[in-house]
Amino acid sequence: MAKKIWKDLKGNEVPAQYVPAFDKKRELVALKYQAKAEKLSDQLVKMKAELLQECDALYNQMLEDNNVPAQSKGGYSVSTFDRDVKIEISIQERIEFDDKISVAHEKIKQYLAEKMQGVDADLQSLINQAFETRKGRMDVKRILSLFRLQIKHPLWLEAMELIKSSISRNDSKRYVQIMKKDVNGEYKNIDLNFSSI
């Protein structure tokens, strides 16, 4: 049944006779593929849950068969006998920083101010980039890369200790890759990410 009243972007009600035919057609297409996408998404969620359950059971059986005590799951893989198909399961821990990271940043700024003449421009740029945010989040890899710098100044060492104590490890996430060998014997990922197909 056709809608009698439509709502615009601001939530205002617009009688159907004033809505252009093209806008009505465009909405039908958008809603059709939104429904299909949600259905596919639900199927992928169910498939991932089933896959993890079955693969975990195999992993646990392997541990049991080899008299290895049960342990928290890290990464492992499940493959066919000829190794033509492989499922890789990996775990990624989400690392975040608490408010001590701001204090660490201030200490580093103090260090740079003290050593301004003795710090080369590339090092200064590297340090400043580490604290840049994207969408309100700091880049964990860049921050952690600061630990590799061989700087012995007390302010720097204090800042590194603050960064260490600001780290919090939140819920880990499990990732799944299903791969098949191509004609050259190289594993190719079977892409389940709609945006990257």
N, C-alpha and C. Protein backbone atom coordinates (compact mmCIF):
# COMPACT_ATOMS: atom_id res chain seq x y z
N MET A 1 0.85 -1.20 0.00
CA MET A 1 0.00 0.00 0.00
C MET A 1 0.89 1.25 0.00
N ALA A 2 0.59 2.18 -0.93
CA ALA A 2 1.41 3.39 -1.07
C ALA A 2 1.26 4.28 0.16
N LYS A 3 2.38 4.92 0.52
CA LYS A 3 2.34 5.83 1.67
C LYS A 3 1.54 7.07 1.31
N LYS A 4 0.70 7.51 2.24
CA LYS A 4 -0.07 8.73 2.01
C LYS A 4 0.68 9.95 2.51
N ILE A 5 1.45 9.72 3.57
CA ILE A 5 2.23 10.82 4.15
C ILE A 5 3.71 10.43 4.15
N TRP A 6 4.56 11.31 3.67
CA TRP A 6 6.00 11.10 3.66
C TRP A 6 6.63 12.09 4.63
N LYS A 7 7.80 11.74 5.15
CA LYS A 7 8.51 12.67 6.04
C LYS A 7 9.81 13.10 5.37
N ASP A 8 10.09 14.41 5.44
CA ASP A 8 11.34 14.91 4.85
C ASP A 8 12.48 14.82 5.86
N LEU A 9 13.63 15.34 5.49
CA LEU A 9 14.84 15.26 6.32
C LEU A 9 14.65 15.84 7.72
N LYS A 10 13.80 16.88 7.82
CA LYS A 10 13.58 17.54 9.11
C LYS A 10 12.42 16.93 9.90
N GLY A 11 11.81 15.87 9.34
CA GLY A 11 10.69 15.22 10.04
C GLY A 11 9.34 15.85 9.74
N ASN A 12 9.32 16.79 8.79
CA ASN A 12 8.05 17.41 8.40
C ASN A 12 7.23 16.45 7.55
N GLU A 13 5.93 16.41 7.79
CA GLU A 13 5.05 15.54 7.00
C GLU A 13 4.72 16.21 5.67
N VAL A 14 4.84 15.40 4.59
CA VAL A 14 4.58 15.91 3.24
C VAL A 14 3.57 14.97 2.58
N PRO A 15 2.41 15.46 2.16
CA PRO A 15 1.43 14.60 1.48
C PRO A 15 2.04 13.98 0.22
N ALA A 16 1.69 12.72 -0.06
CA ALA A 16 2.29 11.95 -1.16
C ALA A 16 2.23 12.67 -2.50
N GLN A 17 1.15 13.43 -2.77
CA GLN A 17 1.03 14.07 -4.09
C GLN A 17 2.08 15.15 -4.32
N TYR A 18 2.75 15.59 -3.24
CA TYR A 18 3.79 16.62 -3.39
C TYR A 18 5.21 16.04 -3.41
N VAL A 19 5.30 14.72 -3.29
CA VAL A 19 6.62 14.08 -3.33
C VAL A 19 6.92 13.68 -4.77
N PRO A 20 8.03 14.15 -5.36
CA PRO A 20 8.34 13.82 -6.75
C PRO A 20 8.43 12.31 -6.98
N ALA A 21 8.00 11.87 -8.17
CA ALA A 21 7.99 10.44 -8.52
C ALA A 21 9.40 9.84 -8.41
N PHE A 22 10.43 10.62 -8.80
CA PHE A 22 11.80 10.11 -8.75
C PHE A 22 12.23 9.83 -7.31
N ASP A 23 11.83 10.70 -6.37
CA ASP A 23 12.17 10.50 -4.96
C ASP A 23 11.51 9.24 -4.41
N LYS A 24 10.27 8.98 -4.88
CA LYS A 24 9.58 7.76 -4.44
C LYS A 24 10.30 6.52 -4.96
N LYS A 25 10.74 6.57 -6.23
CA LYS A 25 11.45 5.45 -6.83
C LYS A 25 12.80 5.22 -6.13
N ARG A 26 13.49 6.33 -5.84
CA ARG A 26 14.79 6.26 -5.17
C ARG A 26 14.66 5.62 -3.79
N GLU A 27 13.60 5.96 -3.07
CA GLU A 27 13.39 5.40 -1.74
C GLU A 27 13.14 3.90 -1.81
N LEU A 28 12.36 3.46 -2.81
CA LEU A 28 12.08 2.04 -2.97
C LEU A 28 13.36 1.24 -3.16
N VAL A 29 14.28 1.77 -4.00
CA VAL A 29 15.55 1.08 -4.26
C VAL A 29 16.39 1.03 -2.98
N ALA A 30 16.47 2.17 -2.26
CA ALA A 30 17.27 2.24 -1.03
C ALA A 30 16.75 1.24 0.01
N LEU A 31 15.43 1.19 0.21
CA LEU A 31 14.84 0.29 1.20
C LEU A 31 14.98 -1.17 0.81
N LYS A 32 14.88 -1.44 -0.50
CA LYS A 32 15.03 -2.82 -1.00
C LYS A 32 16.41 -3.37 -0.65
N TYR A 33 17.45 -2.57 -0.94
CA TYR A 33 18.81 -3.08 -0.71
C TYR A 33 19.23 -2.99 0.76
N GLN A 34 18.60 -2.09 1.51
CA GLN A 34 18.85 -2.07 2.97
C GLN A 34 18.34 -3.37 3.57
N ALA A 35 17.14 -3.82 3.15
CA ALA A 35 16.56 -5.07 3.67
C ALA A 35 17.43 -6.26 3.29
N LYS A 36 17.91 -6.28 2.03
CA LYS A 36 18.76 -7.39 1.57
C LYS A 36 20.08 -7.40 2.33
N ALA A 37 20.66 -6.20 2.55
CA ALA A 37 21.94 -6.10 3.27
C ALA A 37 21.80 -6.58 4.71
N GLU A 38 20.70 -6.21 5.36
CA GLU A 38 20.48 -6.65 6.74
C GLU A 38 20.32 -8.17 6.82
N LYS A 39 19.65 -8.74 5.82
CA LYS A 39 19.47 -10.20 5.79
C LYS A 39 20.83 -10.89 5.63
N LEU A 40 21.65 -10.38 4.69
CA LEU A 40 22.99 -10.94 4.48
C LEU A 40 23.85 -10.78 5.73
N SER A 41 23.76 -9.62 6.38
CA SER A 41 24.53 -9.36 7.60
C SER A 41 24.16 -10.37 8.68
N ASP A 42 22.87 -10.62 8.85
CA ASP A 42 22.41 -11.61 9.84
C ASP A 42 22.97 -13.00 9.52
N GLN A 43 22.98 -13.34 8.20
CA GLN A 43 23.50 -14.65 7.79
C GLN A 43 24.99 -14.76 8.10
N LEU A 44 25.75 -13.66 7.87
CA LEU A 44 27.19 -13.66 8.15
C LEU A 44 27.46 -13.79 9.64
N VAL A 45 26.66 -13.11 10.47
CA VAL A 45 26.82 -13.19 11.93
C VAL A 45 26.60 -14.63 12.39
N LYS A 46 25.54 -15.27 11.85
CA LYS A 46 25.24 -16.67 12.22
C LYS A 46 26.35 -17.60 11.74
N MET A 47 26.81 -17.36 10.49
CA MET A 47 27.87 -18.21 9.93
C MET A 47 29.14 -18.12 10.75
N LYS A 48 29.51 -16.90 11.17
CA LYS A 48 30.73 -16.73 11.96
C LYS A 48 30.61 -17.46 13.30
N ALA A 49 29.45 -17.36 13.93
CA ALA A 49 29.23 -18.04 15.23
C ALA A 49 29.35 -19.55 15.06
N GLU A 50 28.73 -20.09 14.00
CA GLU A 50 28.80 -21.54 13.74
C GLU A 50 30.23 -21.97 13.45
N LEU A 51 30.92 -21.17 12.61
CA LEU A 51 32.30 -21.49 12.23
C LEU A 51 33.20 -21.53 13.46
N LEU A 52 33.10 -20.49 14.32
CA LEU A 52 33.94 -20.45 15.52
C LEU A 52 33.64 -21.61 16.46
N GLN A 53 32.37 -21.96 16.57
CA GLN A 53 31.99 -23.06 17.46
C GLN A 53 32.60 -24.38 16.96
N GLU A 54 32.48 -24.63 15.65
CA GLU A 54 33.01 -25.89 15.09
C GLU A 54 34.53 -25.91 15.10
N CYS A 55 35.15 -24.80 14.73
CA CYS A 55 36.62 -24.75 14.70
C CYS A 55 37.20 -24.84 16.11
N ASP A 56 36.55 -24.19 17.08
CA ASP A 56 37.01 -24.28 18.47
C ASP A 56 36.93 -25.72 18.98
N ALA A 57 35.86 -26.43 18.57
CA ALA A 57 35.70 -27.82 18.99
C ALA A 57 36.84 -28.66 18.42
N LEU A 58 37.21 -28.41 17.15
CA LEU A 58 38.34 -29.14 16.54
C LEU A 58 39.65 -28.81 17.27
N TYR A 59 39.84 -27.53 17.57
CA TYR A 59 41.06 -27.09 18.26
C TYR A 59 41.17 -27.76 19.63
N ASN A 60 40.05 -27.78 20.36
CA ASN A 60 40.03 -28.41 21.69
C ASN A 60 40.28 -29.91 21.59
N GLN A 61 39.74 -30.53 20.53
CA GLN A 61 39.96 -31.97 20.33
C GLN A 61 41.44 -32.24 20.06
N MET A 62 42.07 -31.38 19.26
CA MET A 62 43.49 -31.53 18.97
C MET A 62 44.32 -31.44 20.26
N LEU A 63 43.98 -30.46 21.11
CA LEU A 63 44.69 -30.32 22.39
C LEU A 63 44.52 -31.58 23.23
N GLU A 64 43.27 -32.06 23.29
CA GLU A 64 42.96 -33.25 24.10
C GLU A 64 43.70 -34.48 23.57
N ASP A 65 43.68 -34.66 22.23
CA ASP A 65 44.35 -35.82 21.61
C ASP A 65 45.85 -35.81 21.85
N ASN A 66 46.41 -34.62 22.05
CA ASN A 66 47.86 -34.51 22.25
C ASN A 66 48.23 -34.25 23.71
N ASN A 67 47.25 -34.48 24.61
CA ASN A 67 47.47 -34.30 26.05
C ASN A 67 48.00 -32.92 26.42
N VAL A 68 47.48 -31.92 25.72
CA VAL A 68 47.86 -30.53 26.02
C VAL A 68 46.71 -29.92 26.82
N PRO A 69 47.01 -29.34 27.99
CA PRO A 69 45.91 -28.76 28.79
C PRO A 69 45.20 -27.65 28.05
N ALA A 70 43.90 -27.50 28.31
CA ALA A 70 43.11 -26.44 27.68
C ALA A 70 43.71 -25.09 28.04
N GLN A 71 43.67 -24.19 27.09
CA GLN A 71 44.25 -22.86 27.31
C GLN A 71 43.39 -21.83 26.61
N SER A 72 43.64 -20.57 26.94
CA SER A 72 42.88 -19.53 26.25
C SER A 72 43.29 -19.55 24.79
N LYS A 73 42.32 -19.37 23.93
CA LYS A 73 42.59 -19.51 22.50
C LYS A 73 43.35 -18.31 21.94
N GLY A 74 44.43 -18.61 21.27
CA GLY A 74 45.13 -17.59 20.50
C GLY A 74 44.75 -17.79 19.05
N GLY A 75 45.72 -17.63 18.16
CA GLY A 75 45.43 -17.88 16.76
C GLY A 75 45.68 -19.33 16.40
N TYR A 76 44.90 -19.85 15.50
CA TYR A 76 45.12 -21.20 14.97
C TYR A 76 44.46 -21.29 13.61
N SER A 77 44.72 -22.38 12.89
CA SER A 77 44.10 -22.54 11.58
C SER A 77 43.53 -23.94 11.42
N VAL A 78 42.57 -24.07 10.53
CA VAL A 78 41.94 -25.34 10.19
C VAL A 78 42.03 -25.45 8.67
N SER A 79 42.53 -26.59 8.18
CA SER A 79 42.70 -26.70 6.73
C SER A 79 42.25 -28.05 6.22
N THR A 80 42.09 -28.12 4.90
CA THR A 80 41.77 -29.38 4.27
C THR A 80 43.02 -30.26 4.25
N PHE A 81 42.84 -31.57 3.98
CA PHE A 81 43.95 -32.52 3.99
C PHE A 81 45.04 -32.12 3.00
N ASP A 82 44.62 -31.60 1.82
CA ASP A 82 45.60 -31.20 0.80
C ASP A 82 46.08 -29.76 0.98
N ARG A 83 45.64 -29.11 2.06
CA ARG A 83 46.00 -27.72 2.39
C ARG A 83 45.53 -26.72 1.33
N ASP A 84 44.54 -27.12 0.53
CA ASP A 84 44.05 -26.25 -0.54
C ASP A 84 43.17 -25.13 0.04
N VAL A 85 42.46 -25.45 1.11
CA VAL A 85 41.58 -24.47 1.76
C VAL A 85 42.04 -24.33 3.20
N LYS A 86 42.09 -23.09 3.66
CA LYS A 86 42.56 -22.85 5.04
C LYS A 86 41.67 -21.79 5.69
N ILE A 87 41.30 -22.05 6.94
CA ILE A 87 40.56 -21.07 7.74
C ILE A 87 41.51 -20.60 8.84
N GLU A 88 41.78 -19.32 8.88
CA GLU A 88 42.65 -18.76 9.91
C GLU A 88 41.81 -18.00 10.92
N ILE A 89 42.04 -18.30 12.18
CA ILE A 89 41.32 -17.61 13.25
C ILE A 89 42.35 -16.89 14.10
N SER A 90 42.20 -15.58 14.20
CA SER A 90 43.16 -14.79 14.97
C SER A 90 42.41 -13.96 16.01
N ILE A 91 43.16 -13.52 16.99
CA ILE A 91 42.55 -12.72 18.05
C ILE A 91 43.30 -11.40 18.15
N GLN A 92 42.55 -10.34 18.28
CA GLN A 92 43.17 -9.02 18.39
C GLN A 92 42.64 -8.32 19.63
N GLU A 93 43.57 -7.91 20.46
CA GLU A 93 43.22 -7.24 21.71
C GLU A 93 43.14 -5.75 21.44
N ARG A 94 42.09 -5.11 21.93
CA ARG A 94 41.93 -3.68 21.73
C ARG A 94 42.66 -2.94 22.84
N ILE A 95 43.62 -2.10 22.44
CA ILE A 95 44.40 -1.33 23.42
C ILE A 95 43.94 0.13 23.40
N GLU A 96 43.70 0.67 24.57
CA GLU A 96 43.33 2.08 24.69
C GLU A 96 44.17 2.71 25.79
N PHE A 97 44.13 4.05 25.84
CA PHE A 97 44.88 4.77 26.85
C PHE A 97 43.92 5.54 27.75
N ASP A 98 44.24 5.60 29.05
CA ASP A 98 43.39 6.41 29.94
C ASP A 98 43.94 7.84 29.97
N ASP A 99 43.44 8.66 30.91
CA ASP A 99 43.79 10.09 30.91
C ASP A 99 45.25 10.38 31.25
N LYS A 100 46.00 9.38 31.73
CA LYS A 100 47.43 9.60 31.99
C LYS A 100 48.20 9.89 30.70
N ILE A 101 47.63 9.50 29.56
CA ILE A 101 48.30 9.74 28.28
C ILE A 101 48.47 11.23 28.03
N SER A 102 47.52 12.04 28.53
CA SER A 102 47.62 13.51 28.37
C SER A 102 48.80 14.05 29.17
N VAL A 103 49.00 13.49 30.37
CA VAL A 103 50.12 13.92 31.21
C VAL A 103 51.43 13.53 30.53
N ALA A 104 51.47 12.30 29.98
CA ALA A 104 52.66 11.84 29.27
C ALA A 104 52.98 12.77 28.10
N HIS A 105 51.94 13.19 27.38
CA HIS A 105 52.13 14.10 26.25
C HIS A 105 52.72 15.43 26.72
N GLU A 106 52.24 15.93 27.85
CA GLU A 106 52.78 17.19 28.39
C GLU A 106 54.25 17.04 28.78
N LYS A 107 54.60 15.90 29.36
CA LYS A 107 56.01 15.65 29.73
C LYS A 107 56.89 15.65 28.48
N ILE A 108 56.39 15.05 27.43
CA ILE A 108 57.15 14.99 26.18
C ILE A 108 57.30 16.40 25.60
N LYS A 109 56.24 17.19 25.70
CA LYS A 109 56.32 18.59 25.22
C LYS A 109 57.38 19.36 26.02
N GLN A 110 57.42 19.11 27.34
CA GLN A 110 58.44 19.76 28.18
C GLN A 110 59.84 19.34 27.74
N TYR A 111 59.98 18.04 27.46
CA TYR A 111 61.27 17.52 27.00
C TYR A 111 61.68 18.22 25.70
N LEU A 112 60.74 18.31 24.76
CA LEU A 112 61.04 18.95 23.47
C LEU A 112 61.40 20.42 23.66
N ALA A 113 60.68 21.10 24.56
CA ALA A 113 60.96 22.52 24.82
C ALA A 113 62.36 22.69 25.40
N GLU A 114 62.74 21.79 26.31
CA GLU A 114 64.08 21.86 26.93
C GLU A 114 65.18 21.59 25.92
N LYS A 115 64.91 20.62 25.03
CA LYS A 115 65.94 20.16 24.11
C LYS A 115 65.75 20.70 22.69
N MET A 116 64.95 21.76 22.56
CA MET A 116 64.57 22.25 21.22
C MET A 116 65.76 22.39 20.27
N GLN A 117 66.86 22.91 20.79
CA GLN A 117 68.02 23.12 19.93
C GLN A 117 68.69 21.79 19.57
N GLY A 118 68.56 20.81 20.47
CA GLY A 118 69.28 19.56 20.24
C GLY A 118 68.45 18.45 19.61
N VAL A 119 67.16 18.72 19.36
CA VAL A 119 66.30 17.69 18.76
C VAL A 119 66.16 17.97 17.28
N ASP A 120 66.46 16.98 16.43
CA ASP A 120 66.33 17.25 15.00
C ASP A 120 64.85 17.30 14.60
N ALA A 121 64.59 17.97 13.50
CA ALA A 121 63.21 18.23 13.06
C ALA A 121 62.45 16.94 12.78
N ASP A 122 63.13 15.92 12.24
CA ASP A 122 62.46 14.65 11.93
C ASP A 122 61.97 13.96 13.20
N LEU A 123 62.81 13.96 14.24
CA LEU A 123 62.43 13.35 15.51
C LEU A 123 61.26 14.09 16.13
N GLN A 124 61.32 15.42 16.09
CA GLN A 124 60.24 16.24 16.64
C GLN A 124 58.93 15.96 15.91
N SER A 125 59.00 15.85 14.59
CA SER A 125 57.81 15.57 13.77
C SER A 125 57.26 14.18 14.11
N LEU A 126 58.14 13.19 14.25
CA LEU A 126 57.74 11.83 14.59
C LEU A 126 57.00 11.79 15.92
N ILE A 127 57.53 12.51 16.91
CA ILE A 127 56.92 12.54 18.24
C ILE A 127 55.55 13.22 18.20
N ASN A 128 55.49 14.35 17.49
CA ASN A 128 54.21 15.08 17.40
C ASN A 128 53.15 14.27 16.66
N GLN A 129 53.55 13.57 15.60
CA GLN A 129 52.60 12.75 14.84
C GLN A 129 52.02 11.62 15.68
N ALA A 130 52.83 11.11 16.61
CA ALA A 130 52.37 9.99 17.44
C ALA A 130 51.13 10.35 18.23
N PHE A 131 50.99 11.64 18.58
CA PHE A 131 49.85 12.06 19.41
C PHE A 131 48.70 12.65 18.61
N GLU A 132 48.81 12.61 17.28
CA GLU A 132 47.69 13.09 16.45
C GLU A 132 46.52 12.12 16.60
N THR A 133 45.31 12.66 16.54
CA THR A 133 44.13 11.80 16.66
C THR A 133 43.37 11.76 15.34
N ARG A 134 42.72 10.62 15.12
CA ARG A 134 41.82 10.47 13.98
C ARG A 134 40.49 10.03 14.53
N LYS A 135 39.47 10.81 14.22
CA LYS A 135 38.12 10.55 14.74
C LYS A 135 38.15 10.43 16.26
N GLY A 136 38.97 11.29 16.89
CA GLY A 136 39.03 11.35 18.35
C GLY A 136 39.83 10.24 18.99
N ARG A 137 40.48 9.39 18.19
CA ARG A 137 41.25 8.27 18.76
C ARG A 137 42.72 8.39 18.39
N MET A 138 43.57 8.04 19.34
CA MET A 138 45.01 8.04 19.08
C MET A 138 45.39 6.74 18.38
N ASP A 139 46.44 6.82 17.56
CA ASP A 139 46.94 5.64 16.86
C ASP A 139 47.85 4.87 17.82
N VAL A 140 47.38 3.71 18.27
CA VAL A 140 48.09 2.91 19.27
C VAL A 140 49.50 2.56 18.79
N LYS A 141 49.64 2.14 17.53
CA LYS A 141 50.95 1.73 17.01
C LYS A 141 51.95 2.88 17.06
N ARG A 142 51.49 4.09 16.72
CA ARG A 142 52.40 5.24 16.74
C ARG A 142 52.86 5.55 18.16
N ILE A 143 51.91 5.51 19.10
CA ILE A 143 52.27 5.80 20.49
C ILE A 143 53.28 4.75 21.00
N LEU A 144 52.99 3.48 20.74
CA LEU A 144 53.87 2.42 21.23
C LEU A 144 55.24 2.45 20.55
N SER A 145 55.29 3.01 19.34
CA SER A 145 56.59 3.09 18.63
C SER A 145 57.56 4.04 19.35
N LEU A 146 57.04 4.93 20.21
CA LEU A 146 57.91 5.85 20.95
C LEU A 146 58.85 5.10 21.90
N PHE A 147 58.44 3.90 22.33
CA PHE A 147 59.28 3.12 23.24
C PHE A 147 60.58 2.66 22.57
N ARG A 148 60.58 2.65 21.23
CA ARG A 148 61.79 2.19 20.52
C ARG A 148 62.86 3.28 20.45
N LEU A 149 62.48 4.52 20.73
CA LEU A 149 63.45 5.62 20.65
C LEU A 149 64.40 5.56 21.85
N GLN A 150 65.67 5.62 21.58
CA GLN A 150 66.68 5.51 22.63
C GLN A 150 66.97 6.89 23.24
N ILE A 151 66.02 7.35 24.08
CA ILE A 151 66.17 8.66 24.73
C ILE A 151 66.22 8.42 26.23
N LYS A 152 67.23 8.98 26.87
CA LYS A 152 67.46 8.70 28.30
C LYS A 152 67.13 9.88 29.20
N HIS A 153 66.61 10.95 28.64
CA HIS A 153 66.30 12.15 29.44
C HIS A 153 65.23 11.80 30.48
N PRO A 154 65.37 12.31 31.72
CA PRO A 154 64.40 11.98 32.79
C PRO A 154 62.94 12.27 32.42
N LEU A 155 62.70 13.42 31.78
CA LEU A 155 61.31 13.75 31.39
C LEU A 155 60.76 12.72 30.41
N TRP A 156 61.60 12.30 29.47
CA TRP A 156 61.18 11.30 28.49
C TRP A 156 60.88 9.96 29.17
N LEU A 157 61.77 9.53 30.06
CA LEU A 157 61.58 8.26 30.76
C LEU A 157 60.32 8.29 31.63
N GLU A 158 60.07 9.46 32.23
CA GLU A 158 58.86 9.63 33.05
C GLU A 158 57.62 9.52 32.16
N ALA A 159 57.69 10.13 30.99
CA ALA A 159 56.57 10.08 30.05
C ALA A 159 56.31 8.65 29.60
N MET A 160 57.37 7.88 29.35
CA MET A 160 57.21 6.49 28.91
C MET A 160 56.55 5.65 30.01
N GLU A 161 56.91 5.91 31.25
CA GLU A 161 56.28 5.19 32.37
C GLU A 161 54.79 5.54 32.46
N LEU A 162 54.47 6.82 32.24
CA LEU A 162 53.07 7.24 32.26
C LEU A 162 52.28 6.56 31.14
N ILE A 163 52.90 6.46 29.97
CA ILE A 163 52.22 5.78 28.85
C ILE A 163 51.95 4.33 29.22
N LYS A 164 52.97 3.66 29.78
CA LYS A 164 52.80 2.25 30.19
C LYS A 164 51.63 2.10 31.14
N SER A 165 51.57 2.98 32.14
CA SER A 165 50.51 2.84 33.15
C SER A 165 49.15 3.30 32.63
N SER A 166 49.13 4.00 31.47
CA SER A 166 47.84 4.46 30.92
C SER A 166 47.19 3.42 30.02
N ILE A 167 47.94 2.36 29.69
CA ILE A 167 47.42 1.35 28.75
C ILE A 167 46.36 0.48 29.42
N SER A 168 45.25 0.34 28.73
CA SER A 168 44.23 -0.61 29.19
C SER A 168 43.87 -1.52 28.03
N ARG A 169 43.79 -2.81 28.32
CA ARG A 169 43.45 -3.79 27.29
C ARG A 169 41.98 -4.14 27.44
N ASN A 170 41.21 -3.78 26.43
CA ASN A 170 39.77 -4.03 26.49
C ASN A 170 39.43 -5.33 25.78
N ASP A 171 38.14 -5.54 25.61
CA ASP A 171 37.67 -6.79 25.00
C ASP A 171 38.44 -7.12 23.73
N SER A 172 38.82 -8.38 23.63
CA SER A 172 39.50 -8.81 22.42
C SER A 172 38.45 -9.22 21.39
N LYS A 173 38.84 -9.16 20.13
CA LYS A 173 37.94 -9.50 19.05
C LYS A 173 38.56 -10.61 18.23
N ARG A 174 37.76 -11.57 17.80
CA ARG A 174 38.27 -12.68 17.01
C ARG A 174 37.96 -12.44 15.54
N TYR A 175 38.98 -12.68 14.72
CA TYR A 175 38.84 -12.48 13.28
C TYR A 175 38.96 -13.82 12.56
N VAL A 176 38.24 -13.91 11.44
CA VAL A 176 38.25 -15.14 10.66
C VAL A 176 38.59 -14.81 9.22
N GLN A 177 39.51 -15.59 8.63
CA GLN A 177 39.81 -15.50 7.21
C GLN A 177 39.65 -16.88 6.61
N ILE A 178 38.92 -16.96 5.49
CA ILE A 178 38.79 -18.22 4.78
C ILE A 178 39.52 -18.05 3.45
N MET A 179 40.49 -18.94 3.20
CA MET A 179 41.34 -18.78 2.02
C MET A 179 41.37 -20.05 1.18
N LYS A 180 41.59 -19.85 -0.13
CA LYS A 180 41.73 -20.98 -1.05
C LYS A 180 42.92 -20.70 -1.95
N LYS A 181 43.67 -21.74 -2.27
CA LYS A 181 44.82 -21.57 -3.15
C LYS A 181 44.36 -21.30 -4.59
N ASP A 182 45.07 -20.36 -5.24
CA ASP A 182 44.79 -20.09 -6.65
C ASP A 182 45.64 -21.00 -7.53
N VAL A 183 45.61 -20.78 -8.86
CA VAL A 183 46.34 -21.64 -9.78
C VAL A 183 47.85 -21.61 -9.55
N ASN A 184 48.34 -20.54 -8.91
CA ASN A 184 49.77 -20.43 -8.62
C ASN A 184 50.15 -21.00 -7.25
N GLY A 185 49.16 -21.56 -6.55
CA GLY A 185 49.44 -22.13 -5.24
C GLY A 185 49.49 -21.11 -4.12
N GLU A 186 49.05 -19.88 -4.41
CA GLU A 186 49.03 -18.81 -3.40
C GLU A 186 47.65 -18.76 -2.75
N TYR A 187 47.63 -18.58 -1.40
CA TYR A 187 46.34 -18.45 -0.73
C TYR A 187 45.70 -17.10 -1.07
N LYS A 188 44.43 -17.15 -1.47
CA LYS A 188 43.66 -15.94 -1.74
C LYS A 188 42.48 -15.91 -0.79
N ASN A 189 42.27 -14.76 -0.16
CA ASN A 189 41.18 -14.60 0.79
C ASN A 189 39.83 -14.62 0.08
N ILE A 190 38.88 -15.35 0.63
CA ILE A 190 37.50 -15.29 0.14
C ILE A 190 36.87 -14.11 0.85
N ASP A 191 36.64 -13.03 0.11
CA ASP A 191 36.27 -11.76 0.72
C ASP A 191 34.82 -11.75 1.17
N LEU A 192 34.63 -11.54 2.47
CA LEU A 192 33.27 -11.42 3.03
C LEU A 192 33.00 -9.99 3.46
N ASN A 193 33.90 -9.08 3.13
CA ASN A 193 33.71 -7.66 3.45
C ASN A 193 33.13 -6.98 2.22
N PHE A 194 31.85 -6.64 2.27
CA PHE A 194 31.13 -6.10 1.13
C PHE A 194 31.83 -4.89 0.51
N SER A 195 32.37 -4.03 1.38
CA SER A 195 32.99 -2.77 0.89
C SER A 195 34.26 -3.01 0.10
N SER A 196 34.92 -4.13 0.32
CA SER A 196 36.20 -4.33 -0.36
C SER A 196 36.12 -5.24 -1.57
N ILE A 197 34.91 -5.70 -1.90
CA ILE A 197 34.74 -6.57 -3.09
C ILE A 197 34.78 -5.72 -4.35
